[in-house]
Amino acid sequence: MEIVVQKYGGSSVADVPKLERVADRIARTAREGKRVCVVVSAMGRTTDQLLALAREITDSPPRRELDMLLSTGERIAMALLAMAIQKRGLEAISFTGSQSGIMTNDRHSGARIIEVRPVRIQDELERDKIVIVAGFQGMSYKREITTLGRGGSDTTAVALAAALGASYCEICSDVDGVYTADPRVVAEALRLDTISYPEMQELAEHGAKVLNAQAVEWAEKAGIQIYARATHSEAGGTRVGNQASGRRACGVACARNLVRLRARGPASSLGRSLADEGVSLWRLSDDGSGTVAVFSKEDLPDWLALKRRLLDRFGEGLAVEEDLAAISVVGTGLAPASEVSRALDEVARTETGALGIDTSPLRLTLLVRPSDSEKLTRALHQAFVNPI
């Protein structure tokens, strides 16, 4: 019998009426003769509320205890969703990440899934039960509860789909697919029918919120197709797989809350310090006057405490710039000098400014001030994605 994995984000289960509608959707899938494993995020703003509670106690909550606290949000959602499905006359059972066999490294607040041992899930699916799994969490080999960072429920879903041999993985949210830009910023943004794994990973790593980059990485390795679609619509959506978007530039992504560090000394010293702190780097380079590192502070459990430690370690040799933004155009053939020049022409035309440029075969990124980000996103979308 076909196995399907569905993931529902926090906005889809934000309150009981929405959760009931999700239960209806899951029940319909099960009644089509499919075995269904569901991954669920915490309801609404629960994770942010729990984090705020922790910070009422201390400015620097220990990461282990923070993981213990934050993992409860998904447990609430999974139990309520199982109850709602049972009310509809179907058998359902909920499991935590550790009960589901999701094994991670021991990096609290930003763990990576190492392997999945879904024995209990498989047993319950064989009994024709719908299995509800708490996303965003797992267990280290030291038997400690860990969390996967923002968007980690996507990774939970794709990793489970791979381990269970699922036909595909549905990522359901309040957005009906992957767009060429944020429609709230670019009115002309278009929904993509298909997008390749590499294209999607670049967009996800550089600001697109619809899918988690680590989830896309898992999907490509396992050959799992992802369908990103709206929770309450069977139509439309975007398929993420081997087939490319068919566009030279498939999208423009914007990331905010970036930090740029500039330190005197070898790159290995700053890079090692940031790696030891669990920071995922966007860029690490030597510009001749020192080492430059760029990263997002959104996923860091306590940026202020980390900044203090770095300043203590590097002293006056460290310069910190905060709250920057990056606009990335993703597509094929964006590294040539002509394309960089074209992007800089848009910077000049819009009277904004670029603080830095980074390129790869699939991406061209401009580091900018936040106040310039929306204007430049619209300009680059018009120039590269939707030219007149």
Protein backbone atom coordinates (compact mmCIF):
# COMPACT_ATOMS: atom_id res chain seq x y z
CA MET A 1 0.00 0.00 0.00
CA GLU A 2 1.27 3.48 -0.90
CA ILE A 3 2.81 5.52 1.93
CA VAL A 4 2.45 9.29 1.90
CA VAL A 5 4.12 11.76 4.27
CA GLN A 6 2.39 15.08 4.89
CA LYS A 7 3.76 17.99 6.89
CA TYR A 8 1.60 20.79 8.29
CA GLY A 9 3.16 24.06 9.43
CA GLY A 10 2.28 26.12 12.47
CA SER A 11 -0.03 28.48 10.59
CA SER A 12 -2.07 25.48 9.36
CA VAL A 13 -2.75 24.29 12.92
CA ALA A 14 -2.72 27.70 14.64
CA ASP A 15 -6.01 27.08 16.46
CA VAL A 16 -8.56 24.31 16.98
CA PRO A 17 -10.77 25.15 13.95
CA LYS A 18 -7.72 25.07 11.65
CA LEU A 19 -6.50 21.88 13.25
CA GLU A 20 -9.93 20.29 12.66
CA ARG A 21 -9.71 21.22 8.96
CA VAL A 22 -6.28 19.59 8.77
CA ALA A 23 -7.75 16.46 10.36
CA ASP A 24 -10.41 16.41 7.62
CA ARG A 25 -7.72 16.61 4.94
CA ILE A 26 -5.70 13.79 6.49
CA ALA A 27 -8.82 11.63 6.83
CA ARG A 28 -9.61 12.12 3.13
CA THR A 29 -6.11 10.97 2.18
CA ALA A 30 -6.38 7.87 4.39
CA ARG A 31 -9.78 6.98 2.93
CA GLU A 32 -8.21 7.01 -0.54
CA GLY A 33 -6.41 3.83 0.54
CA LYS A 34 -3.06 5.40 1.44
CA ARG A 35 -1.02 4.90 4.58
CA VAL A 36 -0.41 8.33 6.03
CA CYS A 37 2.40 9.60 8.23
CA VAL A 38 1.91 13.22 9.30
CA VAL A 39 4.55 15.61 10.65
CA VAL A 40 3.19 18.60 12.54
CA SER A 41 4.74 21.84 13.76
CA ALA A 42 3.83 23.69 16.95
CA MET A 43 0.57 25.64 16.81
CA GLY A 44 0.84 29.23 15.60
CA ARG A 45 3.37 31.28 17.56
CA THR A 46 3.86 28.65 20.29
CA THR A 47 7.62 28.29 19.73
CA ASP A 48 8.16 32.06 19.93
CA GLN A 49 6.02 32.24 23.07
CA LEU A 50 8.01 29.46 24.74
CA LEU A 51 11.27 31.18 23.80
CA ALA A 52 9.97 34.44 25.29
CA LEU A 53 9.11 32.61 28.52
CA ALA A 54 12.65 31.26 28.73
CA ARG A 55 14.06 34.75 28.28
CA GLU A 56 11.91 36.02 31.12
CA ILE A 57 13.97 33.67 33.29
CA THR A 58 17.40 34.31 31.77
CA ASP A 59 18.95 36.22 28.87
CA SER A 60 21.07 33.17 28.06
CA PRO A 61 18.97 30.01 28.44
CA PRO A 62 21.07 26.81 28.42
CA ARG A 63 20.63 25.14 25.05
CA ARG A 64 19.81 21.73 26.50
CA GLU A 65 16.99 23.11 28.63
CA LEU A 66 15.82 25.27 25.74
CA ASP A 67 15.46 22.14 23.60
CA MET A 68 13.49 20.43 26.36
CA LEU A 69 11.17 23.44 26.52
CA LEU A 70 10.72 24.15 22.81
CA SER A 71 10.07 20.50 21.92
CA THR A 72 6.85 20.60 23.96
CA GLY A 73 5.14 22.82 21.37
CA GLU A 74 5.05 20.07 18.74
CA ARG A 75 3.96 17.52 21.33
CA ILE A 76 0.84 19.55 22.08
CA ALA A 77 -0.02 19.79 18.38
CA MET A 78 0.59 16.09 17.65
CA ALA A 79 -1.63 14.89 20.51
CA LEU A 80 -4.50 17.24 19.62
CA LEU A 81 -4.31 16.27 15.95
CA ALA A 82 -4.39 12.55 16.82
CA MET A 83 -7.49 13.18 18.94
CA ALA A 84 -9.16 15.06 16.08
CA ILE A 85 -8.50 12.21 13.64
CA GLN A 86 -9.78 9.60 16.10
CA LYS A 87 -12.97 11.64 16.44
CA ARG A 88 -13.48 11.08 12.71
CA GLY A 89 -13.58 7.31 13.17
CA LEU A 90 -10.00 6.58 12.12
CA GLU A 91 -7.23 5.13 14.24
CA ALA A 92 -4.33 7.48 14.93
CA ILE A 93 -1.35 7.54 17.25
CA SER A 94 1.15 10.31 18.02
CA PHE A 95 4.90 9.96 18.49
CA THR A 96 7.62 12.35 19.58
CA GLY A 97 10.76 12.68 17.50
CA SER A 98 12.67 10.30 19.76
CA GLN A 99 9.85 7.73 19.69
CA SER A 100 9.93 7.97 15.90
CA GLY A 101 13.61 7.00 15.79
CA ILE A 102 14.91 10.35 14.54
CA MET A 103 18.58 10.31 15.50
CA THR A 104 20.62 13.51 15.43
CA ASN A 105 24.03 14.83 16.31
CA ASP A 106 24.35 16.43 19.74
CA ARG A 107 24.20 20.09 18.64
CA HIS A 108 21.42 21.53 20.80
CA SER A 109 19.13 24.12 19.15
CA GLY A 110 20.51 23.35 15.70
CA ALA A 111 20.92 19.60 15.39
CA ARG A 112 21.18 17.73 12.09
CA ILE A 113 19.44 14.42 11.46
CA ILE A 114 21.97 11.61 11.07
CA GLU A 115 19.59 8.69 10.49
CA VAL A 116 15.99 7.61 11.01
CA ARG A 117 14.97 4.31 12.61
CA PRO A 118 11.19 4.34 12.04
CA VAL A 119 10.40 0.90 13.48
CA ARG A 120 7.46 2.02 15.63
CA ILE A 121 6.02 4.12 12.81
CA GLN A 122 6.22 1.19 10.39
CA ASP A 123 4.52 -1.11 12.90
CA GLU A 124 1.60 1.29 13.37
CA LEU A 125 1.24 1.96 9.63
CA GLU A 126 1.04 -1.81 9.09
CA ARG A 127 -1.89 -1.77 11.54
CA ASP A 128 -3.56 0.85 9.31
CA LYS A 129 -3.13 3.63 11.85
CA ILE A 130 -2.42 7.22 10.89
CA VAL A 131 0.85 8.20 12.57
CA ILE A 132 1.32 11.78 13.78
CA VAL A 133 4.95 12.78 14.43
CA ALA A 134 6.21 15.84 16.28
CA GLY A 135 8.42 17.77 13.89
CA PHE A 136 11.49 19.89 14.67
CA GLN A 137 12.97 17.40 17.16
CA GLY A 138 14.93 14.21 17.60
CA MET A 139 17.28 12.44 19.96
CA SER A 140 21.07 12.37 19.99
CA TYR A 141 23.08 9.19 20.38
CA LYS A 142 23.64 10.36 23.97
CA ARG A 143 19.85 10.03 24.41
CA GLU A 144 19.37 13.77 24.73
CA ILE A 145 16.38 15.61 23.23
CA THR A 146 17.50 17.94 20.43
CA THR A 147 15.77 20.45 18.16
CA LEU A 148 16.56 21.07 14.50
CA GLY A 149 16.30 24.85 14.23
CA ARG A 150 13.77 26.97 12.35
CA GLY A 151 12.01 25.05 9.60
CA GLY A 152 13.20 21.77 11.07
CA SER A 153 9.79 20.13 10.68
CA ASP A 154 10.31 20.15 6.90
CA THR A 155 13.49 18.14 7.41
CA THR A 156 11.70 15.74 9.75
CA ALA A 157 9.07 15.09 7.07
CA VAL A 158 11.50 14.51 4.20
CA ALA A 159 13.81 12.32 6.30
CA LEU A 160 10.82 10.19 7.34
CA ALA A 161 9.61 9.98 3.73
CA ALA A 162 13.02 8.64 2.73
CA ALA A 163 13.17 6.15 5.60
CA LEU A 164 9.63 4.88 5.00
CA GLY A 165 9.98 4.60 1.24
CA ALA A 166 7.14 7.06 0.73
CA SER A 167 5.92 7.91 -2.76
CA TYR A 168 6.36 11.62 -2.08
CA CYS A 169 6.34 14.24 0.67
CA GLU A 170 3.76 17.02 0.88
CA ILE A 171 4.77 20.24 2.63
CA CYS A 172 1.51 22.02 3.41
CA SER A 173 1.37 25.63 4.56
CA ASP A 174 -0.57 28.84 4.02
CA VAL A 175 1.34 29.40 0.74
CA ASP A 176 0.27 27.57 -2.43
CA GLY A 177 3.74 26.80 -3.71
CA VAL A 178 7.11 28.32 -4.54
CA TYR A 179 6.99 31.80 -6.07
CA THR A 180 9.58 33.71 -8.06
CA ALA A 181 9.63 36.25 -5.19
CA ASP A 182 7.66 37.04 -2.07
CA PRO A 183 4.23 38.07 -3.47
CA ARG A 184 3.84 40.51 -0.58
CA VAL A 185 6.84 42.42 -1.94
CA VAL A 186 6.62 41.74 -5.68
CA ALA A 187 3.07 41.90 -7.02
CA GLU A 188 4.16 40.31 -10.32
CA ALA A 189 5.67 37.21 -8.65
CA LEU A 190 4.69 33.96 -10.36
CA ARG A 191 4.11 30.52 -8.87
CA LEU A 192 6.45 27.88 -10.29
CA ASP A 193 4.98 24.52 -11.35
CA THR A 194 8.35 22.79 -11.03
CA ILE A 195 11.77 23.61 -9.64
CA SER A 196 14.94 21.55 -9.37
CA TYR A 197 16.54 20.53 -6.09
CA PRO A 198 19.61 22.79 -6.62
CA GLU A 199 17.47 25.80 -7.54
CA MET A 200 15.21 25.27 -4.52
CA GLN A 201 18.12 24.77 -2.18
CA GLU A 202 19.72 28.05 -3.25
CA LEU A 203 16.44 29.91 -2.75
CA ALA A 204 15.86 28.26 0.65
CA GLU A 205 19.39 28.96 1.88
CA HIS A 206 19.13 32.61 0.90
CA GLY A 207 15.81 33.68 2.33
CA ALA A 208 12.85 31.88 0.71
CA LYS A 209 10.74 30.63 3.61
CA VAL A 210 8.49 28.12 1.87
CA LEU A 211 10.92 25.18 2.32
CA ASN A 212 13.84 24.39 4.58
CA ALA A 213 17.21 24.03 2.82
CA GLN A 214 18.24 20.96 4.81
CA ALA A 215 14.95 19.29 3.82
CA VAL A 216 15.71 19.90 0.14
CA GLU A 217 19.19 18.44 0.62
CA TRP A 218 17.67 15.29 2.15
CA ALA A 219 15.12 15.03 -0.65
CA GLU A 220 17.75 15.22 -3.38
CA LYS A 221 19.95 12.57 -1.76
CA ALA A 222 16.99 10.21 -1.32
CA GLY A 223 15.26 11.02 -4.61
CA ILE A 224 12.07 12.08 -2.81
CA GLN A 225 9.80 14.49 -4.68
CA ILE A 226 8.43 17.33 -2.56
CA TYR A 227 5.09 18.95 -3.28
CA ALA A 228 4.79 22.40 -1.71
CA ARG A 229 1.13 23.36 -1.64
CA ALA A 230 -1.56 25.16 0.33
CA THR A 231 -3.05 23.22 3.22
CA HIS A 232 -6.66 23.68 2.20
CA SER A 233 -6.33 23.31 -1.57
CA GLU A 234 -5.59 20.19 -3.57
CA ALA A 235 -4.89 22.24 -6.70
CA GLY A 236 -1.73 23.98 -7.78
CA GLY A 237 1.45 23.78 -5.79
CA THR A 238 5.06 23.33 -6.83
CA ARG A 239 6.88 20.05 -7.45
CA VAL A 240 10.50 19.99 -6.29
CA GLY A 241 12.53 17.31 -8.04
CA ASN A 242 14.96 16.69 -10.88
CA GLN A 243 13.06 18.82 -13.38
CA ALA A 244 14.24 22.43 -13.46
CA SER A 245 11.98 25.46 -13.48
CA GLY A 246 12.71 26.09 -17.15
CA ARG A 247 13.67 29.68 -16.41
CA ARG A 248 17.12 31.21 -16.68
CA ALA A 249 16.40 32.98 -13.39
CA CYS A 250 13.85 31.14 -11.27
CA GLY A 251 13.53 33.58 -8.41
CA VAL A 252 14.71 36.37 -6.15
CA ALA A 253 15.03 35.71 -2.42
CA CYS A 254 15.57 38.20 0.38
CA ALA A 255 17.17 37.38 3.72
CA ARG A 256 17.19 39.76 6.67
CA ASN A 257 18.80 39.87 10.11
CA LEU A 258 22.25 39.15 8.71
CA VAL A 259 25.50 39.85 10.52
CA ARG A 260 28.85 40.67 8.91
CA LEU A 261 31.99 40.21 11.00
CA ARG A 262 35.40 41.49 9.99
CA ALA A 263 38.36 40.21 12.00
CA ARG A 264 42.11 40.65 11.78
CA GLY A 265 43.96 37.39 11.44
CA PRO A 266 43.57 34.14 9.47
CA ALA A 267 40.16 32.98 8.28
CA SER A 268 40.60 29.67 10.07
CA SER A 269 40.57 31.38 13.48
CA LEU A 270 37.23 33.18 13.02
CA GLY A 271 35.74 30.29 11.09
CA ARG A 272 36.67 27.81 13.82
CA SER A 273 35.21 30.04 16.53
CA LEU A 274 31.91 30.36 14.67
CA ALA A 275 31.79 26.63 13.87
CA ASP A 276 32.33 25.83 17.55
CA GLU A 277 29.31 28.01 18.32
CA GLY A 278 27.15 26.15 15.80
CA VAL A 279 26.88 29.09 13.38
CA SER A 280 25.96 28.24 9.78
CA LEU A 281 28.01 30.57 7.60
CA TRP A 282 26.80 32.19 4.43
CA ARG A 283 30.29 33.27 3.54
CA LEU A 284 33.82 33.14 4.94
CA SER A 285 36.54 34.93 2.99
CA ASP A 286 39.70 37.01 3.17
CA ASP A 287 39.35 40.44 1.55
CA GLY A 288 42.97 41.48 2.03
CA SER A 289 42.35 43.54 5.16
CA GLY A 290 41.06 40.66 7.26
CA THR A 291 38.61 37.80 7.48
CA VAL A 292 34.96 38.46 6.62
CA ALA A 293 32.13 36.20 7.80
CA VAL A 294 28.45 36.62 6.96
CA PHE A 295 25.64 34.67 8.64
CA SER A 296 22.05 34.93 9.78
CA LYS A 297 21.26 35.51 13.43
CA GLU A 298 17.66 34.31 13.05
CA ASP A 299 18.45 30.70 13.98
CA LEU A 300 20.81 31.52 16.84
CA PRO A 301 19.31 30.90 20.28
CA ASP A 302 21.16 33.86 21.83
CA TRP A 303 22.96 36.21 19.46
CA LEU A 304 23.74 38.82 22.14
CA ALA A 305 25.55 36.27 24.30
CA LEU A 306 27.46 34.98 21.28
CA LYS A 307 28.46 38.52 20.30
CA ARG A 308 29.83 39.12 23.80
CA ARG A 309 31.90 35.93 23.62
CA LEU A 310 33.30 36.84 20.20
CA LEU A 311 34.20 40.37 21.33
CA ASP A 312 35.92 38.93 24.41
CA ARG A 313 37.87 36.54 22.18
CA PHE A 314 38.90 38.94 19.39
CA GLY A 315 38.76 42.29 21.21
CA GLU A 316 39.26 45.42 19.12
CA GLY A 317 40.26 43.24 16.18
CA LEU A 318 36.61 42.40 15.51
CA ALA A 319 34.14 44.72 13.75
CA VAL A 320 30.45 43.82 13.87
CA GLU A 321 27.76 45.01 11.44
CA GLU A 322 24.22 43.90 12.26
CA ASP A 323 20.77 43.85 10.69
CA LEU A 324 21.90 43.69 7.09
CA ALA A 325 19.92 42.13 4.24
CA ALA A 326 20.85 40.08 1.19
CA ILE A 327 19.05 39.91 -2.14
CA SER A 328 19.81 36.78 -4.17
CA VAL A 329 18.91 36.07 -7.78
CA VAL A 330 18.87 32.30 -8.39
CA GLY A 331 19.18 30.64 -11.79
CA THR A 332 21.62 29.33 -14.36
CA GLY A 333 24.54 31.33 -15.68
CA LEU A 334 24.52 34.13 -13.13
CA ALA A 335 28.24 34.19 -12.34
CA PRO A 336 29.61 35.90 -15.50
CA ALA A 337 30.82 39.47 -15.14
CA SER A 338 28.08 40.70 -17.49
CA GLU A 339 25.39 39.50 -15.07
CA VAL A 340 27.14 41.09 -12.09
CA SER A 341 27.35 44.35 -14.05
CA ARG A 342 23.66 44.08 -14.87
CA ALA A 343 22.81 43.70 -11.18
CA LEU A 344 24.97 46.69 -10.27
CA ASP A 345 23.18 48.72 -12.94
CA GLU A 346 19.95 48.05 -11.04
CA VAL A 347 21.59 49.14 -7.79
CA ALA A 348 22.58 52.43 -9.43
CA ARG A 349 19.20 52.91 -11.13
CA THR A 350 17.27 52.43 -7.87
CA GLU A 351 19.70 54.68 -5.96
CA THR A 352 20.34 51.97 -3.39
CA GLY A 353 23.74 50.57 -2.51
CA ALA A 354 25.56 47.24 -2.41
CA LEU A 355 27.76 46.51 0.60
CA GLY A 356 29.10 43.32 -0.94
CA ILE A 357 28.67 40.86 -3.81
CA ASP A 358 28.88 37.07 -3.83
CA THR A 359 28.36 34.74 -6.78
CA SER A 360 28.09 31.03 -7.52
CA PRO A 361 27.10 29.17 -10.71
CA LEU A 362 23.46 29.30 -9.59
CA ARG A 363 23.31 32.52 -7.58
CA LEU A 364 24.16 36.22 -7.50
CA THR A 365 23.85 37.86 -4.07
CA LEU A 366 24.01 41.52 -3.07
CA LEU A 367 24.48 42.50 0.56
CA VAL A 368 22.43 45.65 1.25
CA ARG A 369 20.91 47.86 3.92
CA PRO A 370 17.46 46.63 5.06
CA SER A 371 15.85 49.88 3.97
CA ASP A 372 16.90 49.13 0.37
CA SER A 373 15.86 45.48 0.32
CA GLU A 374 12.29 45.68 -0.99
CA LYS A 375 13.03 48.26 -3.69
CA LEU A 376 15.99 46.23 -4.93
CA THR A 377 14.06 42.94 -4.78
CA ARG A 378 11.44 44.40 -7.12
CA ALA A 379 14.08 45.83 -9.44
CA LEU A 380 16.08 42.60 -9.70
CA HIS A 381 12.92 40.55 -10.22
CA GLN A 382 11.96 42.81 -13.11
CA ALA A 383 15.46 42.72 -14.61
CA PHE A 384 16.25 39.01 -14.27
CA VAL A 385 13.03 37.02 -13.74
CA ASN A 386 10.34 38.99 -15.53
CA PRO A 387 12.06 41.28 -18.06
CA ILE A 388 9.88 43.41 -20.30
